[in-house]
């Protein structure tokens, strides 16, 4: 009986404190509004290193990255990549407008290709 009561008390504490949004805790809740400037549709890749497409973004499409890295796969001389949290994929910064990276934080925990 005591074990059941103790379990219920513990469960109540867990339910009262829901898991927080990891993007918000990492300071990534603010999103930029950027546009694809390439002459065609572009890929949003699973990772910024291996060119494995998750989805395609239309030419001129709007994206909302939460952070960026500067050491991904080289695309047109640019190694910057933007994380699109809502889609769970990366877009090459080579294909976004010039002001896109202004004020955008660096993504933590993303290392170089290796």
PDB file of N, CA and C in Angstrom:
ATOM      1  N   UNK A   1       0.824  -1.190   0.000  1.00  0.00           N
ATOM      2  CA  UNK A   1       0.000   0.000   0.000  1.00  0.00           C
ATOM      3  C   UNK A   1       0.870   1.257   0.000  1.00  0.00           C
ATOM      4  N   UNK A   2       1.914   1.250   0.849  1.00  0.00           N
ATOM      5  CA  UNK A   2       2.802   2.399   0.921  1.00  0.00           C
ATOM      6  C   UNK A   2       3.514   2.612  -0.422  1.00  0.00           C
ATOM      7  N   UNK A   3       3.878   1.513  -1.078  1.00  0.00           N
ATOM      8  CA  UNK A   3       4.564   1.596  -2.366  1.00  0.00           C
ATOM      9  C   UNK A   3       3.657   2.239  -3.416  1.00  0.00           C
ATOM     10  N   UNK A   4       2.396   1.898  -3.424  1.00  0.00           N
ATOM     11  CA  UNK A   4       1.446   2.480  -4.381  1.00  0.00           C
ATOM     12  C   UNK A   4       1.275   3.967  -4.107  1.00  0.00           C
ATOM     13  N   UNK A   5       1.139   4.339  -2.859  1.00  0.00           N
ATOM     14  CA  UNK A   5       0.984   5.739  -2.491  1.00  0.00           C
ATOM     15  C   UNK A   5       2.221   6.540  -2.871  1.00  0.00           C
ATOM     16  N   UNK A   6       3.393   6.010  -2.611  1.00  0.00           N
ATOM     17  CA  UNK A   6       4.641   6.674  -2.968  1.00  0.00           C
ATOM     18  C   UNK A   6       4.768   6.835  -4.482  1.00  0.00           C
ATOM     19  N   UNK A   7       4.365   5.821  -5.224  1.00  0.00           N
ATOM     20  CA  UNK A   7       4.399   5.881  -6.691  1.00  0.00           C
ATOM     21  C   UNK A   7       3.467   6.962  -7.216  1.00  0.00           C
ATOM     22  N   UNK A   8       2.286   7.065  -6.647  1.00  0.00           N
ATOM     23  CA  UNK A   8       1.326   8.089  -7.071  1.00  0.00           C
ATOM     24  C   UNK A   8       1.844   9.490  -6.778  1.00  0.00           C
ATOM     25  N   UNK A   9       2.486   9.685  -5.642  1.00  0.00           N
ATOM     26  CA  UNK A   9       3.048  10.988  -5.289  1.00  0.00           C
ATOM     27  C   UNK A   9       4.162  11.353  -6.271  1.00  0.00           C
ATOM     28  N   UNK A  10       5.019  10.397  -6.600  1.00  0.00           N
ATOM     29  CA  UNK A  10       6.109  10.645  -7.553  1.00  0.00           C
ATOM     30  C   UNK A  10       5.561  10.975  -8.932  1.00  0.00           C
ATOM     31  N   UNK A  11       4.557  10.251  -9.371  1.00  0.00           N
ATOM     32  CA  UNK A  11       3.956  10.481 -10.687  1.00  0.00           C
ATOM     33  C   UNK A  11       3.318  11.862 -10.747  1.00  0.00           C
ATOM     34  N   UNK A  12       2.685  12.308  -9.684  1.00  0.00           N
ATOM     35  CA  UNK A  12       2.081  13.635  -9.640  1.00  0.00           C
ATOM     36  C   UNK A  12       3.146  14.712  -9.818  1.00  0.00           C
ATOM     37  N   UNK A  13       4.301  14.535  -9.194  1.00  0.00           N
ATOM     38  CA  UNK A  13       5.397  15.494  -9.339  1.00  0.00           C
ATOM     39  C   UNK A  13       5.913  15.558 -10.761  1.00  0.00           C
ATOM     40  N   UNK A  14       6.005  14.431 -11.425  1.00  0.00           N
ATOM     41  CA  UNK A  14       6.473  14.393 -12.820  1.00  0.00           C
ATOM     42  C   UNK A  14       5.467  15.077 -13.731  1.00  0.00           C
ATOM     43  N   UNK A  15       4.193  14.802 -13.538  1.00  0.00           N
ATOM     44  CA  UNK A  15       3.170  15.404 -14.391  1.00  0.00           C
ATOM     45  C   UNK A  15       3.050  16.904 -14.169  1.00  0.00           C
ATOM     46  N   UNK A  16       3.358  17.363 -12.972  1.00  0.00           N
ATOM     47  CA  UNK A  16       3.272  18.795 -12.667  1.00  0.00           C
ATOM     48  C   UNK A  16       4.416  19.580 -13.301  1.00  0.00           C
ATOM     49  N   UNK A  17       5.495  18.910 -13.677  1.00  0.00           N
ATOM     50  CA  UNK A  17       6.654  19.555 -14.286  1.00  0.00           C
ATOM     51  C   UNK A  17       6.911  18.959 -15.673  1.00  0.00           C
ATOM     52  N   UNK A  18       6.172  19.389 -16.683  1.00  0.00           N
ATOM     53  CA  UNK A  18       6.335  18.807 -18.017  1.00  0.00           C
ATOM     54  C   UNK A  18       7.727  19.085 -18.579  1.00  0.00           C
ATOM     55  N   UNK A  19       8.132  18.268 -19.538  1.00  0.00           N
ATOM     56  CA  UNK A  19       9.430  18.432 -20.188  1.00  0.00           C
ATOM     57  C   UNK A  19       9.411  19.729 -20.981  1.00  0.00           C
ATOM     58  N   UNK A  20      10.444  20.522 -20.811  1.00  0.00           N
ATOM     59  CA  UNK A  20      10.529  21.821 -21.489  1.00  0.00           C
ATOM     60  C   UNK A  20      10.927  21.644 -22.955  1.00  0.00           C
ATOM     61  N   UNK A  21      10.671  22.668 -23.740  1.00  0.00           N
ATOM     62  CA  UNK A  21      11.077  22.698 -25.141  1.00  0.00           C
ATOM     63  C   UNK A  21      12.595  22.858 -25.193  1.00  0.00           C
ATOM     64  N   UNK A  22      13.335  21.871 -25.756  1.00  0.00           N
ATOM     65  CA  UNK A  22      14.796  21.976 -25.763  1.00  0.00           C
ATOM     66  C   UNK A  22      15.301  23.148 -26.588  1.00  0.00           C
ATOM     67  N   UNK A  23      14.612  23.511 -27.665  1.00  0.00           N
ATOM     68  CA  UNK A  23      15.030  24.666 -28.458  1.00  0.00           C
ATOM     69  C   UNK A  23      14.928  25.949 -27.632  1.00  0.00           C
ATOM     70  N   UNK A  24      13.861  26.085 -26.843  1.00  0.00           N
ATOM     71  CA  UNK A  24      13.681  27.285 -26.031  1.00  0.00           C
ATOM     72  C   UNK A  24      14.737  27.351 -24.930  1.00  0.00           C
ATOM     73  N   UNK A  25      15.034  26.211 -24.309  1.00  0.00           N
ATOM     74  CA  UNK A  25      16.038  26.201 -23.244  1.00  0.00           C
ATOM     75  C   UNK A  25      17.421  26.530 -23.779  1.00  0.00           C
ATOM     76  N   UNK A  26      17.687  26.153 -25.015  1.00  0.00           N
ATOM     77  CA  UNK A  26      19.001  26.417 -25.606  1.00  0.00           C
ATOM     78  C   UNK A  26      19.078  27.819 -26.192  1.00  0.00           C
ATOM     79  N   UNK A  27      18.040  28.617 -26.006  1.00  0.00           N
ATOM     80  CA  UNK A  27      18.044  29.970 -26.542  1.00  0.00           C
ATOM     81  C   UNK A  27      17.722  30.008 -28.023  1.00  0.00           C
ATOM     82  N   UNK A  28      17.053  28.971 -28.524  1.00  0.00           N
ATOM     83  CA  UNK A  28      16.787  28.880 -29.952  1.00  0.00           C
ATOM     84  C   UNK A  28      15.336  29.174 -30.312  1.00  0.00           C
ATOM     85  N   UNK A  29      14.565  29.660 -29.360  1.00  0.00           N
ATOM     86  CA  UNK A  29      13.151  29.885 -29.634  1.00  0.00           C
ATOM     87  C   UNK A  29      12.939  31.001 -30.652  1.00  0.00           C
ATOM     88  N   UNK A  30      13.832  31.980 -30.698  1.00  0.00           N
ATOM     89  CA  UNK A  30      13.714  33.054 -31.677  1.00  0.00           C
ATOM     90  C   UNK A  30      14.165  32.534 -33.024  1.00  0.00           C
ATOM     91  N   UNK A  31      13.353  32.770 -34.047  1.00  0.00           N
ATOM     92  CA  UNK A  31      13.682  32.272 -35.374  1.00  0.00           C
ATOM     93  C   UNK A  31      13.832  33.424 -36.334  1.00  0.00           C
ATOM     94  N   UNK A  32      14.762  33.274 -37.253  1.00  0.00           N
ATOM     95  CA  UNK A  32      14.928  34.254 -38.317  1.00  0.00           C
ATOM     96  C   UNK A  32      13.929  33.951 -39.424  1.00  0.00           C
ATOM     97  N   UNK A  33      13.646  34.933 -40.250  1.00  0.00           N
ATOM     98  CA  UNK A  33      12.857  34.706 -41.456  1.00  0.00           C
ATOM     99  C   UNK A  33      13.792  34.930 -42.632  1.00  0.00           C
ATOM    100  N   UNK A  34      14.010  33.889 -43.403  1.00  0.00           N
ATOM    101  CA  UNK A  34      14.957  33.932 -44.509  1.00  0.00           C
ATOM    102  C   UNK A  34      14.276  33.451 -45.786  1.00  0.00           C
ATOM    103  N   UNK A  35      14.904  33.752 -46.900  1.00  0.00           N
ATOM    104  CA  UNK A  35      14.349  33.376 -48.201  1.00  0.00           C
ATOM    105  C   UNK A  35      15.405  32.669 -49.027  1.00  0.00           C
ATOM    106  N   UNK A  36      14.967  31.689 -49.803  1.00  0.00           N
ATOM    107  CA  UNK A  36      15.887  31.017 -50.716  1.00  0.00           C
ATOM    108  C   UNK A  36      16.067  31.884 -51.947  1.00  0.00           C
ATOM    109  N   UNK A  37      17.323  32.136 -52.293  1.00  0.00           N
ATOM    110  CA  UNK A  37      17.619  33.037 -53.405  1.00  0.00           C
ATOM    111  C   UNK A  37      18.164  32.303 -54.621  1.00  0.00           C
ATOM    112  N   UNK A  38      18.250  30.991 -54.552  1.00  0.00           N
ATOM    113  CA  UNK A  38      18.781  30.228 -55.678  1.00  0.00           C
ATOM    114  C   UNK A  38      17.773  30.222 -56.827  1.00  0.00           C
ATOM    115  N   UNK A  39      18.245  29.857 -57.993  1.00  0.00           N
ATOM    116  CA  UNK A  39      17.397  29.850 -59.185  1.00  0.00           C
ATOM    117  C   UNK A  39      16.521  28.620 -59.313  1.00  0.00           C
ATOM    118  N   UNK A  40      16.550  27.748 -58.326  1.00  0.00           N
ATOM    119  CA  UNK A  40      15.724  26.534 -58.386  1.00  0.00           C
ATOM    120  C   UNK A  40      15.376  26.104 -56.965  1.00  0.00           C
ATOM    121  N   UNK A  41      14.616  25.027 -56.855  1.00  0.00           N
ATOM    122  CA  UNK A  41      14.309  24.509 -55.523  1.00  0.00           C
ATOM    123  C   UNK A  41      15.597  23.959 -54.907  1.00  0.00           C
ATOM    124  N   UNK A  42      15.636  23.901 -53.588  1.00  0.00           N
ATOM    125  CA  UNK A  42      16.833  23.450 -52.874  1.00  0.00           C
ATOM    126  C   UNK A  42      16.448  22.390 -51.859  1.00  0.00           C
ATOM    127  N   UNK A  43      17.429  21.609 -51.461  1.00  0.00           N
ATOM    128  CA  UNK A  43      17.191  20.559 -50.486  1.00  0.00           C
ATOM    129  C   UNK A  43      17.303  21.047 -49.064  1.00  0.00           C
ATOM    130  N   UNK A  44      16.550  20.408 -48.224  1.00  0.00           N
ATOM    131  CA  UNK A  44      16.687  20.545 -46.783  1.00  0.00           C
ATOM    132  C   UNK A  44      17.159  19.160 -46.344  1.00  0.00           C
ATOM    133  N   UNK A  45      18.425  19.076 -45.928  1.00  0.00           N
ATOM    134  CA  UNK A  45      19.092  17.793 -45.715  1.00  0.00           C
ATOM    135  C   UNK A  45      19.021  17.316 -44.268  1.00  0.00           C
ATOM    136  N   UNK A  46      19.133  15.993 -44.088  1.00  0.00           N
ATOM    137  CA  UNK A  46      19.119  15.379 -42.756  1.00  0.00           C
ATOM    138  C   UNK A  46      20.249  15.914 -41.892  1.00  0.00           C
ATOM    139  N   UNK A  47      21.418  16.143 -42.507  1.00  0.00           N
ATOM    140  CA  UNK A  47      22.540  16.712 -41.765  1.00  0.00           C
ATOM    141  C   UNK A  47      23.311  17.639 -42.704  1.00  0.00           C
ATOM    142  N   UNK A  48      24.166  18.501 -42.179  1.00  0.00           N
ATOM    143  CA  UNK A  48      24.869  19.475 -43.019  1.00  0.00           C
ATOM    144  C   UNK A  48      26.164  18.947 -43.633  1.00  0.00           C
ATOM    145  N   UNK A  49      26.328  17.644 -43.663  1.00  0.00           N
ATOM    146  CA  UNK A  49      27.593  17.089 -44.111  1.00  0.00           C
ATOM    147  C   UNK A  49      27.505  16.122 -45.293  1.00  0.00           C
ATOM    148  N   UNK A  50      26.428  15.389 -45.466  1.00  0.00           N
ATOM    149  CA  UNK A  50      26.428  14.250 -46.376  1.00  0.00           C
ATOM    150  C   UNK A  50      25.420  14.300 -47.530  1.00  0.00           C
ATOM    151  N   UNK A  51      24.777  15.415 -47.780  1.00  0.00           N
ATOM    152  CA  UNK A  51      23.871  15.595 -48.923  1.00  0.00           C
ATOM    153  C   UNK A  51      22.768  14.538 -49.006  1.00  0.00           C
ATOM    154  N   UNK A  52      22.168  14.221 -47.877  1.00  0.00           N
ATOM    155  CA  UNK A  52      21.041  13.289 -47.860  1.00  0.00           C
ATOM    156  C   UNK A  52      19.763  14.092 -47.649  1.00  0.00           C
ATOM    157  N   UNK A  53      18.991  14.246 -48.704  1.00  0.00           N
ATOM    158  CA  UNK A  53      17.815  15.101 -48.738  1.00  0.00           C
ATOM    159  C   UNK A  53      16.687  14.574 -47.874  1.00  0.00           C
ATOM    160  N   UNK A  54      16.127  15.453 -47.046  1.00  0.00           N
ATOM    161  CA  UNK A  54      14.927  15.106 -46.269  1.00  0.00           C
ATOM    162  C   UNK A  54      13.685  15.629 -46.980  1.00  0.00           C
ATOM    163  N   UNK A  55      13.747  16.876 -47.458  1.00  0.00           N
ATOM    164  CA  UNK A  55      12.629  17.478 -48.178  1.00  0.00           C
ATOM    165  C   UNK A  55      13.182  18.540 -49.125  1.00  0.00           C
ATOM    166  N   UNK A  56      12.320  19.091 -49.947  1.00  0.00           N
ATOM    167  CA  UNK A  56      12.724  20.120 -50.902  1.00  0.00           C
ATOM    168  C   UNK A  56      12.003  21.415 -50.585  1.00  0.00           C
ATOM    169  N   UNK A  57      12.733  22.526 -50.686  1.00  0.00           N
ATOM    170  CA  UNK A  57      12.168  23.852 -50.462  1.00  0.00           C
ATOM    171  C   UNK A  57      12.038  24.532 -51.819  1.00  0.00           C
ATOM    172  N   UNK A  58      10.897  25.104 -52.102  1.00  0.00           N
ATOM    173  CA  UNK A  58      10.634  25.750 -53.396  1.00  0.00           C
ATOM    174  C   UNK A  58      11.504  26.976 -53.605  1.00  0.00           C
ATOM    175  N   UNK A  59      11.787  27.260 -54.843  1.00  0.00           N
ATOM    176  CA  UNK A  59      12.522  28.471 -55.214  1.00  0.00           C
ATOM    177  C   UNK A  59      11.821  29.684 -54.620  1.00  0.00           C
ATOM    178  N   UNK A  60      12.565  30.564 -53.960  1.00  0.00           N
ATOM    179  CA  UNK A  60      11.981  31.752 -53.342  1.00  0.00           C
ATOM    180  C   UNK A  60      11.244  31.473 -52.045  1.00  0.00           C
ATOM    181  N   UNK A  61      11.248  30.229 -51.590  1.00  0.00           N
ATOM    182  CA  UNK A  61      10.528  29.844 -50.384  1.00  0.00           C
ATOM    183  C   UNK A  61      11.057  30.517 -49.131  1.00  0.00           C
ATOM    184  N   UNK A  62      10.201  30.622 -48.127  1.00  0.00           N
ATOM    185  CA  UNK A  62      10.563  31.219 -46.848  1.00  0.00           C
ATOM    186  C   UNK A  62      10.884  30.106 -45.869  1.00  0.00           C
ATOM    187  N   UNK A  63      11.979  30.280 -45.108  1.00  0.00           N
ATOM    188  CA  UNK A  63      12.353  29.335 -44.064  1.00  0.00           C
ATOM    189  C   UNK A  63      12.555  30.112 -42.767  1.00  0.00           C
ATOM    190  N   UNK A  64      12.506  29.392 -41.648  1.00  0.00           N
ATOM    191  CA  UNK A  64      12.654  30.015 -40.331  1.00  0.00           C
ATOM    192  C   UNK A  64      13.712  29.275 -39.521  1.00  0.00           C
ATOM    193  N   UNK A  65      15.000  29.505 -39.823  1.00  0.00           N
ATOM    194  CA  UNK A  65      16.047  28.819 -39.069  1.00  0.00           C
ATOM    195  C   UNK A  65      16.175  29.345 -37.641  1.00  0.00           C
ATOM    196  N   UNK A  66      16.584  28.445 -36.738  1.00  0.00           N
ATOM    197  CA  UNK A  66      16.769  28.824 -35.337  1.00  0.00           C
ATOM    198  C   UNK A  66      18.234  28.988 -34.973  1.00  0.00           C
ATOM    199  N   UNK A  67      19.135  28.370 -35.757  1.00  0.00           N
ATOM    200  CA  UNK A  67      20.566  28.504 -35.503  1.00  0.00           C
ATOM    201  C   UNK A  67      21.333  28.086 -36.744  1.00  0.00           C
ATOM    202  N   UNK A  68      22.661  28.284 -36.719  1.00  0.00           N
ATOM    203  CA  UNK A  68      23.479  27.933 -37.881  1.00  0.00           C
ATOM    204  C   UNK A  68      24.828  27.398 -37.450  1.00  0.00           C
ATOM    205  N   UNK A  69      25.474  26.718 -38.378  1.00  0.00           N
ATOM    206  CA  UNK A  69      26.863  26.293 -38.181  1.00  0.00           C
ATOM    207  C   UNK A  69      27.685  26.868 -39.326  1.00  0.00           C
ATOM    208  N   UNK A  70      28.990  26.926 -39.139  1.00  0.00           N
ATOM    209  CA  UNK A  70      29.874  27.501 -40.152  1.00  0.00           C
ATOM    210  C   UNK A  70      30.816  26.466 -40.754  1.00  0.00           C
ATOM    211  N   UNK A  71      30.661  25.184 -40.374  1.00  0.00           N
ATOM    212  CA  UNK A  71      31.633  24.181 -40.797  1.00  0.00           C
ATOM    213  C   UNK A  71      31.013  22.950 -41.454  1.00  0.00           C
ATOM    214  N   UNK A  72      29.939  23.129 -42.201  1.00  0.00           N
ATOM    215  CA  UNK A  72      29.301  22.001 -42.875  1.00  0.00           C
ATOM    216  C   UNK A  72      29.934  21.725 -44.234  1.00  0.00           C
ATOM    217  N   UNK A  73      29.237  20.932 -45.037  1.00  0.00           N
ATOM    218  CA  UNK A  73      29.702  20.596 -46.381  1.00  0.00           C
ATOM    219  C   UNK A  73      29.775  21.860 -47.222  1.00  0.00           C
ATOM    220  N   UNK A  74      30.810  21.991 -48.009  1.00  0.00           N
ATOM    221  CA  UNK A  74      31.025  23.159 -48.853  1.00  0.00           C
ATOM    222  C   UNK A  74      30.037  23.153 -50.025  1.00  0.00           C
ATOM    223  N   UNK A  75      29.251  24.216 -50.137  1.00  0.00           N
ATOM    224  CA  UNK A  75      28.321  24.394 -51.256  1.00  0.00           C
ATOM    225  C   UNK A  75      28.627  25.750 -51.873  1.00  0.00           C
ATOM    226  N   UNK A  76      29.180  25.754 -53.060  1.00  0.00           N
ATOM    227  CA  UNK A  76      29.489  27.006 -53.749  1.00  0.00           C
ATOM    228  C   UNK A  76      30.449  27.904 -52.983  1.00  0.00           C
ATOM    229  N   UNK A  77      31.384  27.313 -52.260  1.00  0.00           N
ATOM    230  CA  UNK A  77      32.342  28.099 -51.488  1.00  0.00           C
ATOM    231  C   UNK A  77      31.854  28.519 -50.113  1.00  0.00           C
ATOM    232  N   UNK A  78      30.681  28.079 -49.710  1.00  0.00           N
ATOM    233  CA  UNK A  78      30.097  28.455 -48.424  1.00  0.00           C
ATOM    234  C   UNK A  78      29.859  27.193 -47.602  1.00  0.00           C
ATOM    235  N   UNK A  79      30.391  27.148 -46.376  1.00  0.00           N
ATOM    236  CA  UNK A  79      30.213  25.991 -45.500  1.00  0.00           C
ATOM    237  C   UNK A  79      29.143  26.221 -44.430  1.00  0.00           C
ATOM    238  N   UNK A  80      28.467  27.365 -44.474  1.00  0.00           N
ATOM    239  CA  UNK A  80      27.425  27.666 -43.496  1.00  0.00           C
ATOM    240  C   UNK A  80      26.143  26.896 -43.784  1.00  0.00           C
ATOM    241  N   UNK A  81      25.493  26.435 -42.725  1.00  0.00           N
ATOM    242  CA  UNK A  81      24.215  25.714 -42.841  1.00  0.00           C
ATOM    243  C   UNK A  81      23.272  26.213 -41.750  1.00  0.00           C
ATOM    244  N   UNK A  82      21.991  26.338 -42.096  1.00  0.00           N
ATOM    245  CA  UNK A  82      20.955  26.821 -41.178  1.00  0.00           C
ATOM    246  C   UNK A  82      20.050  25.663 -40.763  1.00  0.00           C
ATOM    247  N   UNK A  83      19.769  25.546 -39.464  1.00  0.00           N
ATOM    248  CA  UNK A  83      18.902  24.501 -38.907  1.00  0.00           C
ATOM    249  C   UNK A  83      17.451  24.964 -38.947  1.00  0.00           C
ATOM    250  N   UNK A  84      16.602  24.190 -39.604  1.00  0.00           N
ATOM    251  CA  UNK A  84      15.166  24.473 -39.681  1.00  0.00           C
ATOM    252  C   UNK A  84      14.473  23.498 -38.723  1.00  0.00           C
ATOM    253  N   UNK A  85      14.291  23.921 -37.479  1.00  0.00           N
ATOM    254  CA  UNK A  85      13.777  23.035 -36.426  1.00  0.00           C
ATOM    255  C   UNK A  85      12.397  22.483 -36.761  1.00  0.00           C
ATOM    256  N   UNK A  86      11.532  23.303 -37.348  1.00  0.00           N
ATOM    257  CA  UNK A  86      10.163  22.851 -37.619  1.00  0.00           C
ATOM    258  C   UNK A  86      10.114  21.724 -38.644  1.00  0.00           C
ATOM    259  N   UNK A  87      11.140  21.599 -39.481  1.00  0.00           N
ATOM    260  CA  UNK A  87      11.204  20.522 -40.479  1.00  0.00           C
ATOM    261  C   UNK A  87      12.223  19.458 -40.112  1.00  0.00           C
ATOM    262  N   UNK A  88      13.094  19.743 -39.127  1.00  0.00           N
ATOM    263  CA  UNK A  88      14.104  18.783 -38.720  1.00  0.00           C
ATOM    264  C   UNK A  88      15.175  18.562 -39.776  1.00  0.00           C
ATOM    265  N   UNK A  89      15.605  19.653 -40.437  1.00  0.00           N
ATOM    266  CA  UNK A  89      16.613  19.502 -41.485  1.00  0.00           C
ATOM    267  C   UNK A  89      17.418  20.790 -41.657  1.00  0.00           C
ATOM    268  N   UNK A  90      18.449  20.716 -42.498  1.00  0.00           N
ATOM    269  CA  UNK A  90      19.421  21.786 -42.716  1.00  0.00           C
ATOM    270  C   UNK A  90      19.356  22.316 -44.138  1.00  0.00           C
ATOM    271  N   UNK A  91      19.493  23.635 -44.298  1.00  0.00           N
ATOM    272  CA  UNK A  91      19.549  24.292 -45.601  1.00  0.00           C
ATOM    273  C   UNK A  91      20.898  24.998 -45.710  1.00  0.00           C
ATOM    274  N   UNK A  92      21.545  24.861 -46.866  1.00  0.00           N
ATOM    275  CA  UNK A  92      22.828  25.529 -47.064  1.00  0.00           C
ATOM    276  C   UNK A  92      22.648  27.038 -47.038  1.00  0.00           C
ATOM    277  N   UNK A  93      23.502  27.724 -46.280  1.00  0.00           N
ATOM    278  CA  UNK A  93      23.450  29.187 -46.210  1.00  0.00           C
ATOM    279  C   UNK A  93      23.836  29.821 -47.547  1.00  0.00           C
ATOM    280  N   UNK A  94      24.459  29.043 -48.424  1.00  0.00           N
ATOM    281  CA  UNK A  94      24.796  29.528 -49.765  1.00  0.00           C
ATOM    282  C   UNK A  94      23.520  29.930 -50.520  1.00  0.00           C
ATOM    283  N   UNK A  95      22.411  29.321 -50.166  1.00  0.00           N
ATOM    284  CA  UNK A  95      21.152  29.517 -50.881  1.00  0.00           C
ATOM    285  C   UNK A  95      20.180  30.459 -50.188  1.00  0.00           C
ATOM    286  N   UNK A  96      20.615  31.146 -49.114  1.00  0.00           N
ATOM    287  CA  UNK A  96      19.716  32.057 -48.404  1.00  0.00           C
ATOM    288  C   UNK A  96      20.145  33.511 -48.587  1.00  0.00           C
ATOM    289  N   UNK A  97      19.214  34.420 -48.356  1.00  0.00           N
ATOM    290  CA  UNK A  97      19.491  35.853 -48.511  1.00  0.00           C
ATOM    291  C   UNK A  97      20.600  36.314 -47.568  1.00  0.00           C
ATOM    292  N   UNK A  98      21.279  37.393 -47.924  1.00  0.00           N
ATOM    293  CA  UNK A  98      22.441  37.890 -47.180  1.00  0.00           C
ATOM    294  C   UNK A  98      22.139  38.212 -45.720  1.00  0.00           C
ATOM    295  N   UNK A  99      21.009  38.796 -45.393  1.00  0.00           N
ATOM    296  CA  UNK A  99      20.712  39.187 -44.023  1.00  0.00           C
ATOM    297  C   UNK A  99      20.235  38.052 -43.141  1.00  0.00           C
ATOM    298  N   UNK A 100      20.133  36.877 -43.690  1.00  0.00           N
ATOM    299  CA  UNK A 100      19.574  35.742 -42.943  1.00  0.00           C
ATOM    300  C   UNK A 100      20.349  35.427 -41.675  1.00  0.00           C
ATOM    301  N   UNK A 101      21.663  35.448 -41.733  1.00  0.00           N
ATOM    302  CA  UNK A 101      22.449  35.023 -40.574  1.00  0.00           C
ATOM    303  C   UNK A 101      22.612  36.084 -39.493  1.00  0.00           C
ATOM    304  N   UNK A 102      22.199  37.304 -39.755  1.00  0.00           N
ATOM    305  CA  UNK A 102      22.373  38.389 -38.788  1.00  0.00           C
ATOM    306  C   UNK A 102      21.690  38.060 -37.462  1.00  0.00           C
ATOM    307  N   UNK A 103      22.477  37.993 -36.407  1.00  0.00           N
ATOM    308  CA  UNK A 103      21.944  37.745 -35.074  1.00  0.00           C
ATOM    309  C   UNK A 103      21.562  36.308 -34.779  1.00  0.00           C
ATOM    310  N   UNK A 104      21.744  35.396 -35.739  1.00  0.00           N
ATOM    311  CA  UNK A 104      21.366  34.011 -35.509  1.00  0.00           C
ATOM    312  C   UNK A 104      22.441  33.304 -34.664  1.00  0.00           C
ATOM    313  N   UNK A 105      22.046  32.601 -33.612  1.00  0.00           N
ATOM    314  CA  UNK A 105      23.046  31.922 -32.773  1.00  0.00           C
ATOM    315  C   UNK A 105      23.661  30.715 -33.471  1.00  0.00           C
ATOM    316  N   UNK A 106      24.795  30.294 -32.964  1.00  0.00           N
ATOM    317  CA  UNK A 106      25.454  29.085 -33.450  1.00  0.00           C
ATOM    318  C   UNK A 106      24.773  27.881 -32.808  1.00  0.00           C
ATOM    319  N   UNK A 107      24.560  26.839 -33.590  1.00  0.00           N
ATOM    320  CA  UNK A 107      23.975  25.599 -33.055  1.00  0.00           C
ATOM    321  C   UNK A 107      25.016  24.898 -32.197  1.00  0.00           C
ATOM    322  N   UNK A 108      24.651  24.553 -30.986  1.00  0.00           N
ATOM    323  CA  UNK A 108      25.563  23.834 -30.090  1.00  0.00           C
ATOM    324  C   UNK A 108      25.552  22.350 -30.417  1.00  0.00           C
ATOM    325  N   UNK A 109      26.684  21.705 -30.231  1.00  0.00           N
ATOM    326  CA  UNK A 109      26.749  20.252 -30.347  1.00  0.00           C
ATOM    327  C   UNK A 109      26.864  19.720 -31.750  1.00  0.00           C
ATOM    328  N   UNK A 110      27.079  20.565 -32.741  1.00  0.00           N
ATOM    329  CA  UNK A 110      27.231  20.093 -34.112  1.00  0.00           C
ATOM    330  C   UNK A 110      28.697  20.267 -34.478  1.00  0.00           C
ATOM    331  N   UNK A 111      29.394  19.147 -34.645  1.00  0.00           N
ATOM    332  CA  UNK A 111      30.822  19.187 -34.936  1.00  0.00           C
ATOM    333  C   UNK A 111      31.091  19.239 -36.422  1.00  0.00           C
ATOM    334  N   UNK A 112      32.344  19.162 -36.766  1.00  0.00           N
ATOM    335  CA  UNK A 112      32.724  19.178 -38.165  1.00  0.00           C
ATOM    336  C   UNK A 112      32.546  17.796 -38.774  1.00  0.00           C
ATOM    337  N   UNK A 113      32.532  17.739 -40.099  1.00  0.00           N
ATOM    338  CA  UNK A 113      32.394  16.476 -40.821  1.00  0.00           C
ATOM    339  C   UNK A 113      33.569  15.575 -40.467  1.00  0.00           C
ATOM    340  N   UNK A 114      33.275  14.344 -40.162  1.00  0.00           N
ATOM    341  CA  UNK A 114      34.372  13.481 -39.781  1.00  0.00           C
ATOM    342  C   UNK A 114      34.107  12.079 -39.914  1.00  0.00           C
TER     343      UNK A 114
END
